[in-house]
C-alpha atoms as a PDB file:
ATOM      1  CA  MET A   1       0.000   0.000   0.000  1.00  0.00           C
ATOM      2  CA  GLU A   2       2.796   2.381   0.882  1.00  0.00           C
ATOM      3  CA  ALA A   3       4.517   1.568  -2.412  1.00  0.00           C
ATOM      4  CA  VAL A   4       1.363   2.500  -4.371  1.00  0.00           C
ATOM      5  CA  ILE A   5       1.090   5.797  -2.480  1.00  0.00           C
ATOM      6  CA  THR A   6       4.760   6.516  -3.201  1.00  0.00           C
ATOM      7  CA  VAL A   7       4.262   5.856  -6.918  1.00  0.00           C
ATOM      8  CA  PHE A   8       1.243   8.159  -7.047  1.00  0.00           C
ATOM      9  CA  ALA A   9       3.160  10.837  -5.164  1.00  0.00           C
ATOM     10  CA  VAL A  10       6.074  10.630  -7.591  1.00  0.00           C
ATOM     11  CA  LEU A  11       3.700  10.821 -10.578  1.00  0.00           C
ATOM     12  CA  PHE A  12       1.952  13.834  -9.052  1.00  0.00           C
ATOM     13  CA  VAL A  13       5.265  15.620  -8.530  1.00  0.00           C
ATOM     14  CA  LEU A  14       6.308  14.860 -12.115  1.00  0.00           C
ATOM     15  CA  LEU A  15       3.024  16.206 -13.460  1.00  0.00           C
ATOM     16  CA  VAL A  16       3.413  19.385 -11.408  1.00  0.00           C
ATOM     17  CA  VAL A  17       6.991  19.865 -12.628  1.00  0.00           C
ATOM     18  CA  LEU A  18       6.035  19.273 -16.274  1.00  0.00           C
ATOM     19  CA  GLY A  19       3.061  21.609 -15.973  1.00  0.00           C
ATOM     20  CA  THR A  20       5.227  24.316 -14.430  1.00  0.00           C
ATOM     21  CA  TYR A  21       7.882  23.906 -17.138  1.00  0.00           C
ATOM     22  CA  ALA A  22       5.287  24.101 -19.940  1.00  0.00           C
ATOM     23  CA  THR A  23       3.723  27.183 -18.353  1.00  0.00           C
ATOM     24  CA  VAL A  24       7.099  28.919 -18.056  1.00  0.00           C
ATOM     25  CA  LYS A  25       7.951  28.103 -21.668  1.00  0.00           C
ATOM     26  CA  ALA A  26       4.595  29.399 -22.875  1.00  0.00           C
ATOM     27  CA  VAL A  27       4.919  32.602 -20.862  1.00  0.00           C
ATOM     28  CA  THR A  28       8.480  33.149 -22.107  1.00  0.00           C
ATOM     29  CA  ALA A  29       7.459  32.618 -25.725  1.00  0.00           C
ATOM     30  CA  ALA A  30       4.507  34.962 -25.330  1.00  0.00           C
ATOM     31  CA  LYS A  31       6.719  37.614 -23.687  1.00  0.00           C
ATOM     32  CA  ARG A  32       9.274  37.271 -26.461  1.00  0.00           C
ATOM     33  CA  SER A  33       6.559  37.663 -29.082  1.00  0.00           C
ATOM     34  CA  VAL A  34       5.158  40.726 -27.321  1.00  0.00           C
ATOM     35  CA  ASP A  35       8.617  42.290 -27.011  1.00  0.00           C
ATOM     36  CA  ARG A  36       9.277  41.652 -30.682  1.00  0.00           C
ATOM     37  CA  THR A  37       5.964  43.212 -31.639  1.00  0.00           C
ATOM     38  CA  ILE A  38       6.604  46.256 -29.433  1.00  0.00           C
ATOM     39  CA  ALA A  39      10.121  46.715 -30.812  1.00  0.00           C
ATOM     40  CA  GLN A  40       8.881  46.418 -34.381  1.00  0.00           C
ATOM     41  CA  GLY A  41       6.115  48.931 -33.695  1.00  0.00           C
ATOM     42  CA  ARG A  42       8.594  51.327 -32.095  1.00  0.00           C
ATOM     43  CA  ARG A  43      10.921  51.053 -35.099  1.00  0.00           C
ATOM     44  CA  THR A  44       8.035  51.672 -37.476  1.00  0.00           C
ATOM     45  CA  VAL A  45       6.933  54.775 -35.572  1.00  0.00           C
ATOM     46  CA  GLU A  46      10.489  56.073 -35.438  1.00  0.00           C
ATOM     47  CA  ASP A  47      11.019  55.496 -39.158  1.00  0.00           C
ATOM     48  CA  HIS A  48       7.830  57.390 -39.970  1.00  0.00           C
ATOM     49  CA  THR A  49       8.945  60.213 -37.683  1.00  0.00           C
ATOM     50  CA  LEU A  50      12.322  60.419 -39.403  1.00  0.00           C
ATOM     51  CA  ARG A  51      10.688  60.425 -42.810  1.00  0.00           C
ATOM     52  CA  ALA A  52       8.405  63.238 -41.733  1.00  0.00           C
ATOM     53  CA  LYS A  53      11.347  65.246 -40.338  1.00  0.00           C
ATOM     54  CA  SER A  54      13.356  64.778 -43.520  1.00  0.00           C
ATOM     55  CA  LEU A  55      10.456  66.214 -45.525  1.00  0.00           C
ATOM     56  CA  THR A  56       9.322  69.002 -43.211  1.00  0.00           C
ATOM     57  CA  ARG A  57      12.607  70.287 -41.786  1.00  0.00           C
ATOM     58  CA  PRO A  58      14.676  72.285 -44.261  1.00  0.00           C
ATOM     59  CA  GLY A  59      18.427  72.558 -44.074  1.00  0.00           C
ATOM     60  CA  PRO A  60      20.886  70.494 -42.010  1.00  0.00           C
ATOM     61  CA  ALA A  61      18.261  69.177 -39.564  1.00  0.00           C
ATOM     62  CA  GLY A  62      16.256  67.581 -42.348  1.00  0.00           C
ATOM     63  CA  GLU A  63      19.384  66.082 -43.900  1.00  0.00           C
ATOM     64  CA  ILE A  64      20.413  64.616 -40.537  1.00  0.00           C
ATOM     65  CA  ALA A  65      17.029  62.886 -40.304  1.00  0.00           C
ATOM     66  CA  GLN A  66      17.400  61.606 -43.882  1.00  0.00           C
ATOM     67  CA  LEU A  67      20.876  60.225 -43.167  1.00  0.00           C
ATOM     68  CA  ARG A  68      19.594  58.383 -40.135  1.00  0.00           C
ATOM     69  CA  LEU A  69      16.633  56.955 -42.034  1.00  0.00           C
ATOM     70  CA  THR A  70      18.903  55.770 -44.858  1.00  0.00           C
ATOM     71  CA  LEU A  71      21.295  54.126 -42.387  1.00  0.00           C
ATOM     72  CA  ARG A  72      18.557  52.288 -40.486  1.00  0.00           C
ATOM     73  CA  THR A  73      16.800  51.105 -43.640  1.00  0.00           C
ATOM     74  CA  SER A  74      19.983  49.710 -45.205  1.00  0.00           C
ATOM     75  CA  MET A  75      21.164  47.942 -42.042  1.00  0.00           C
ATOM     76  CA  ARG A  76      17.775  46.380 -41.350  1.00  0.00           C
ATOM     77  CA  ALA A  77      17.390  45.113 -44.938  1.00  0.00           C
ATOM     78  CA  THR A  78      20.879  43.588 -44.863  1.00  0.00           C
ATOM     79  CA  GLN A  79      20.215  41.876 -41.543  1.00  0.00           C
ATOM     80  CA  ASP A  80      16.998  40.345 -42.875  1.00  0.00           C
ATOM     81  CA  ALA A  81      18.721  39.137 -46.073  1.00  0.00           C
ATOM     82  CA  LEU A  82      21.582  37.482 -44.180  1.00  0.00           C
ATOM     83  CA  HIS A  83      19.294  35.770 -41.650  1.00  0.00           C
ATOM     84  CA  ALA A  84      17.040  34.499 -44.454  1.00  0.00           C
ATOM     85  CA  GLY A  85      19.781  32.186 -45.769  1.00  0.00           C
ATOM     86  CA  PRO A  86      20.443  28.621 -44.591  1.00  0.00           C
ATOM     87  CA  ALA A  87      22.048  28.420 -41.175  1.00  0.00           C
ATOM     88  CA  GLU A  88      24.480  25.686 -42.311  1.00  0.00           C
ATOM     89  CA  ASP A  89      26.031  27.894 -44.999  1.00  0.00           C
ATOM     90  CA  ALA A  90      29.587  28.637 -43.844  1.00  0.00           C
ATOM     91  CA  SER A  91      29.928  31.657 -46.130  1.00  0.00           C
ATOM     92  CA  LEU A  92      26.810  33.254 -44.678  1.00  0.00           C
ATOM     93  CA  LYS A  93      28.116  32.674 -41.156  1.00  0.00           C
ATOM     94  CA  GLU A  94      31.249  34.609 -42.053  1.00  0.00           C
ATOM     95  CA  SER A  95      29.131  37.346 -43.633  1.00  0.00           C
ATOM     96  CA  LEU A  96      27.042  37.549 -40.454  1.00  0.00           C
ATOM     97  CA  GLY A  97      30.221  38.026 -38.428  1.00  0.00           C
ATOM     98  CA  LEU A  98      31.292  40.878 -40.707  1.00  0.00           C
ATOM     99  CA  PHE A  99      27.834  42.403 -40.482  1.00  0.00           C
ATOM    100  CA  GLU A 100      27.942  42.328 -36.684  1.00  0.00           C
ATOM    101  CA  ARG A 101      31.215  44.283 -36.790  1.00  0.00           C
ATOM    102  CA  LEU A 102      29.665  46.712 -39.248  1.00  0.00           C
ATOM    103  CA  SER A 103      26.603  47.062 -37.014  1.00  0.00           C
ATOM    104  CA  VAL A 104      28.806  48.382 -34.204  1.00  0.00           C
ATOM    105  CA  HIS A 105      29.827  51.328 -36.406  1.00  0.00           C
ATOM    106  CA  GLY A 106      26.251  51.721 -37.605  1.00  0.00           C
ATOM    107  CA  ARG A 107      24.830  51.920 -34.078  1.00  0.00           C
ATOM    108  CA  GLU A 108      27.494  54.431 -33.044  1.00  0.00           C
ATOM    109  CA  LEU A 109      26.647  56.625 -36.028  1.00  0.00           C
ATOM    110  CA  ASP A 110      22.914  56.290 -35.351  1.00  0.00           C
ATOM    111  CA  VAL A 111      23.424  57.543 -31.777  1.00  0.00           C
ATOM    112  CA  VAL A 112      25.436  60.515 -33.022  1.00  0.00           C
ATOM    113  CA  LEU A 113      22.807  61.397 -35.625  1.00  0.00           C
ATOM    114  CA  LYS A 114      20.018  61.048 -33.071  1.00  0.00           C
ATOM    115  CA  HIS A 115      21.736  63.500 -30.725  1.00  0.00           C
ATOM    116  CA  LEU A 116      22.292  65.965 -33.555  1.00  0.00           C
ATOM    117  CA  GLU A 117      18.600  65.966 -34.468  1.00  0.00           C
ATOM    118  CA  SER A 118      17.937  68.327 -31.563  1.00  0.00           C
ATOM    119  CA  GLU A 119      21.063  70.441 -32.068  1.00  0.00           C
ATOM    120  CA  PRO A 120      19.976  74.087 -32.313  1.00  0.00           C
ATOM    121  CA  ASP A 121      23.288  75.350 -33.700  1.00  0.00           C
ATOM    122  CA  ARG A 122      22.885  75.250 -37.478  1.00  0.00           C
ATOM    123  CA  ALA A 123      26.506  76.227 -37.987  1.00  0.00           C
ATOM    124  CA  THR A 124      27.701  73.157 -36.077  1.00  0.00           C
ATOM    125  CA  LEU A 125      25.388  70.892 -38.066  1.00  0.00           C
ATOM    126  CA  THR A 126      26.554  72.414 -41.333  1.00  0.00           C
ATOM    127  CA  ALA A 127      30.191  71.897 -40.384  1.00  0.00           C
ATOM    128  CA  ARG A 128      29.701  68.266 -39.401  1.00  0.00           C
ATOM    129  CA  LEU A 129      27.434  67.244 -42.257  1.00  0.00           C
ATOM    130  CA  PRO A 130      30.194  66.300 -44.775  1.00  0.00           C
ATOM    131  CA  GLU A 131      31.869  63.928 -42.305  1.00  0.00           C
ATOM    132  CA  LEU A 132      28.554  62.408 -41.224  1.00  0.00           C
ATOM    133  CA  ARG A 133      27.457  62.014 -44.826  1.00  0.00           C
ATOM    134  CA  THR A 134      30.702  60.232 -45.706  1.00  0.00           C
ATOM    135  CA  ARG A 135      30.422  57.835 -42.750  1.00  0.00           C
ATOM    136  CA  THR A 136      26.813  57.044 -43.619  1.00  0.00           C
ATOM    137  CA  GLU A 137      27.673  56.361 -47.254  1.00  0.00           C
ATOM    138  CA  ARG A 138      30.559  54.054 -46.325  1.00  0.00           C
ATOM    139  CA  ILE A 139      28.486  52.015 -43.866  1.00  0.00           C
ATOM    140  CA  THR A 140      25.454  51.747 -46.135  1.00  0.00           C
ATOM    141  CA  ALA A 141      27.653  50.848 -49.131  1.00  0.00           C
ATOM    142  CA  SER A 142      29.208  47.974 -47.162  1.00  0.00           C
ATOM    143  CA  ALA A 143      25.787  46.825 -45.952  1.00  0.00           C
ATOM    144  CA  ASP A 144      24.353  46.980 -49.466  1.00  0.00           C
ATOM    145  CA  SER A 145      27.292  44.956 -50.791  1.00  0.00           C
ATOM    146  CA  LEU A 146      26.706  42.213 -48.215  1.00  0.00           C
ATOM    147  CA  ARG A 147      22.966  42.223 -48.882  1.00  0.00           C
ATOM    148  CA  TRP A 148      23.231  41.893 -52.650  1.00  0.00           C
ATOM    149  CA  ALA A 149      25.936  39.250 -52.348  1.00  0.00           C
ATOM    150  CA  ALA A 150      23.660  37.200 -50.062  1.00  0.00           C
ATOM    151  CA  ARG A 151      20.753  37.598 -52.491  1.00  0.00           C
ATOM    152  CA  ASP A 152      22.909  36.615 -55.471  1.00  0.00           C
ATOM    153  CA  ARG A 153      24.127  33.561 -53.564  1.00  0.00           C
ATOM    154  CA  ALA A 154      20.570  32.512 -52.724  1.00  0.00           C
ATOM    155  CA  SER A 155      19.523  33.033 -56.344  1.00  0.00           C
ATOM    156  CA  ARG A 156      22.483  30.959 -57.554  1.00  0.00           C
ATOM    157  CA  PHE A 157      21.592  28.125 -55.174  1.00  0.00           C
ATOM    158  CA  ALA A 158      18.010  28.218 -56.461  1.00  0.00           C
ATOM    159  CA  GLU A 159      19.205  28.047 -60.085  1.00  0.00           C
ATOM    160  CA  ASP A 160      21.551  25.132 -59.335  1.00  0.00           C
ATOM    161  CA  ASP A 161      18.761  23.256 -57.573  1.00  0.00           C
ATOM    162  CA  LEU A 162      16.425  23.920 -60.503  1.00  0.00           C
ATOM    163  CA  ASP A 163      19.043  22.687 -63.000  1.00  0.00           C
ATOM    164  CA  ALA A 164      19.573  19.491 -61.014  1.00  0.00           C
ATOM    165  CA  LEU A 165      15.829  18.953 -60.728  1.00  0.00           C
ATOM    166  CA  SER A 166      15.338  19.502 -64.473  1.00  0.00           C
ATOM    167  CA  SER A 167      18.087  16.969 -65.267  1.00  0.00           C
ATOM    168  CA  GLN A 168      16.491  14.379 -62.987  1.00  0.00           C
ATOM    169  CA  ILE A 169      13.095  14.979 -64.576  1.00  0.00           C
ATOM    170  CA  ASP A 170      14.570  14.587 -68.091  1.00  0.00           C
ATOM    171  CA  ILE A 171      16.183  11.294 -67.087  1.00  0.00           C
ATOM    172  CA  GLU A 172      12.962  10.027 -65.540  1.00  0.00           C
ATOM    173  CA  ALA A 173      10.931  11.093 -68.586  1.00  0.00           C
ATOM    174  CA  GLY A 174      13.358   9.248 -70.862  1.00  0.00           C
ATOM    175  CA  ALA A 175      13.093   6.132 -68.699  1.00  0.00           C
ATOM    176  CA  LEU A 176       9.306   6.274 -68.860  1.00  0.00           C
ATOM    177  CA  ARG A 177       9.358   6.580 -72.643  1.00  0.00           C
ATOM    178  CA  HIS A 178      11.818   3.674 -72.932  1.00  0.00           C
ATOM    179  CA  TRP A 179       9.541   1.536 -70.758  1.00  0.00           C
ATOM    180  CA  THR A 180       6.577   2.415 -72.982  1.00  0.00           C
ATOM    181  CA  ASN A 181       8.437   1.470 -76.178  1.00  0.00           C
ATOM    182  CA  ALA A 182       9.680  -1.777 -74.676  1.00  0.00           C
ATOM    183  CA  THR A 183       6.146  -2.680 -73.633  1.00  0.00           C
ATOM    184  CA  ALA A 184       4.867  -1.930 -77.106  1.00  0.00           C
ATOM    185  CA  ARG A 185       7.514  -4.224 -78.635  1.00  0.00           C
ATOM    186  CA  THR A 186       6.871  -7.125 -76.279  1.00  0.00           C
ATOM    187  CA  THR A 187       3.086  -7.007 -76.541  1.00  0.00           C
ATOM    188  CA  ALA A 188       1.771  -9.441 -79.156  1.00  0.00           C
ATOM    189  CA  PRO A 189      -0.408  -7.710 -81.760  1.00  0.00           C
ATOM    190  CA  TRP A 190      -3.979  -8.781 -82.338  1.00  0.00           C
ATOM    191  CA  PRO A 191      -4.348 -11.265 -85.268  1.00  0.00           C
ATOM    192  CA  GLU A 192      -5.418  -9.602 -88.457  1.00  0.00           C
ATOM    193  CA  ALA A 193      -8.739 -10.457 -89.986  1.00  0.00           C
ATOM    194  CA  PRO A 194      -8.534 -12.827 -92.975  1.00  0.00           C
ATOM    195  CA  GLY A 195      -8.540 -11.256 -96.385  1.00  0.00           C
ATOM    196  CA  THR A 196     -11.667 -10.975 -98.532  1.00  0.00           C
ATOM    197  CA  ASP A 197     -10.642 -13.693-100.994  1.00  0.00           C
ATOM    198  CA  GLU A 198      -9.733 -16.158 -98.249  1.00  0.00           C
ATOM    199  CA  ALA A 199     -12.992 -15.518 -96.362  1.00  0.00           C
ATOM    200  CA  ALA A 200     -15.001 -15.948 -99.566  1.00  0.00           C
ATOM    201  CA  ALA A 201     -13.176 -19.196-100.324  1.00  0.00           C
ATOM    202  CA  ARG A 202     -13.998 -20.532 -96.842  1.00  0.00           C
ATOM    203  CA  ARG A 203     -17.687 -19.683 -97.251  1.00  0.00           C
ATOM    204  CA  GLN A 204     -17.921 -21.464-100.743  1.00  0.00           C
ATOM    205  CA  THR A 205     -19.628 -24.900-100.504  1.00  0.00           C
ATOM    206  CA  TRP A 206     -19.695 -26.131-104.135  1.00  0.00           C
ATOM    207  CA  PRO A 207     -16.679 -27.849-105.769  1.00  0.00           C
ATOM    208  CA  ARG A 208     -14.408 -25.673-107.781  1.00  0.00           C
ATOM    209  CA  GLU A 209     -13.557 -26.431-111.384  1.00  0.00           C
ATOM    210  CA  PRO A 210     -10.053 -27.736-111.984  1.00  0.00           C
ATOM    211  CA  GLU A 211      -7.743 -25.028-113.130  1.00  0.00           C
ATOM    212  CA  ALA A 212      -6.144 -25.319-116.533  1.00  0.00           C
ATOM    213  CA  GLN A 213      -2.670 -26.707-116.430  1.00  0.00           C
ATOM    214  CA  ALA A 214      -0.085 -24.201-117.267  1.00  0.00           C
ATOM    215  CA  ILE A 215       2.098 -26.803-119.131  1.00  0.00           C
ATOM    216  CA  THR A 216       0.642 -29.217-121.767  1.00  0.00           C
ATOM    217  CA  PRO A 217       1.394 -32.868-120.877  1.00  0.00           C
ATOM    218  CA  PRO A 218       3.763 -34.605-123.318  1.00  0.00           C
ATOM    219  CA  ALA A 219       2.105 -36.588-126.156  1.00  0.00           C
ATOM    220  CA  ALA A 220       2.578 -40.355-126.496  1.00  0.00           C
ATOM    221  CA  ARG A 221       5.699 -41.271-128.438  1.00  0.00           C
ATOM    222  CA  PRO A 222       5.032 -43.250-131.737  1.00  0.00           C
ATOM    223  CA  ALA A 223       5.954 -46.968-131.853  1.00  0.00           C
ATOM    224  CA  TYR A 224       8.254 -48.182-134.669  1.00  0.00           C
ATOM    225  CA  PRO A 225       8.419 -51.767-136.042  1.00  0.00           C
ATOM    226  CA  TRP A 226      12.055 -52.200-135.424  1.00  0.00           C
ATOM    227  CA  GLN A 227      11.639 -51.574-131.733  1.00  0.00           C
ATOM    228  CA  LYS A 228      11.401 -54.548-129.431  1.00  0.00           C
ATOM    229  CA  LYS A 229       8.393 -54.965-127.325  1.00  0.00           C
ATOM    230  CA  PRO A 230       9.099 -54.289-123.684  1.00  0.00           C
ATOM    231  CA  ARG A 231       9.308 -57.345-121.553  1.00  0.00           C
ATOM    232  CA  PRO A 232       6.989 -57.670-118.714  1.00  0.00           C
ATOM    233  CA  GLU A 233       8.680 -57.209-115.384  1.00  0.00           C
ATOM    234  CA  SER A 234       9.519 -60.430-113.644  1.00  0.00           C
ATOM    235  CA  THR A 235       7.417 -61.100-110.625  1.00  0.00           C
ATOM    236  CA  THR A 236       9.865 -63.603-109.253  1.00  0.00           C
END
């Protein structure tokens, strides 16, 4: 009896532990999904704000907002393109490492641009714009290069897979046609119907007249008096 109670107690504890673990996992996944949604919404709002500033603010302030929007758009697109590739691709892993190093410079520049958005001194902004523009162009050019290289690699893999698939389909189609021809050769054809003359001959019930001989039989040779009469063959 005590053993049965112990077994039930152990099962109860296991069920409680499994239930707690599943609940924690579900809560963590839900929290992660909510955080991702909030972060994406915040980025969307910030991008729209930057776009509005670049259009409504004339001069250096508007250009600062445009530089920041260009930087964020390029870095985000490159990140999505690199993460969309297969995880087992060694070349993409190396590209991701390079992108992480590039992202450090991108985040530093984004912080600088964000602080300069509220800079009231137009002279300072005007003086720093060439250097900020150059840094933004260098970072976005590197990000664009990585992004297009990843897309070209994915497109090349798709073309190679399609070529291999087409070759396999051609081979299979040829095998199917060969099987069809071989079956057609080995299948015995249906017997043909007898010809009209043969069928008519089989249906005829009266005797046929003898056909004329193509060669006239030889005539009897004349007998001469000096010839001896042939002896009858001996029966002994």
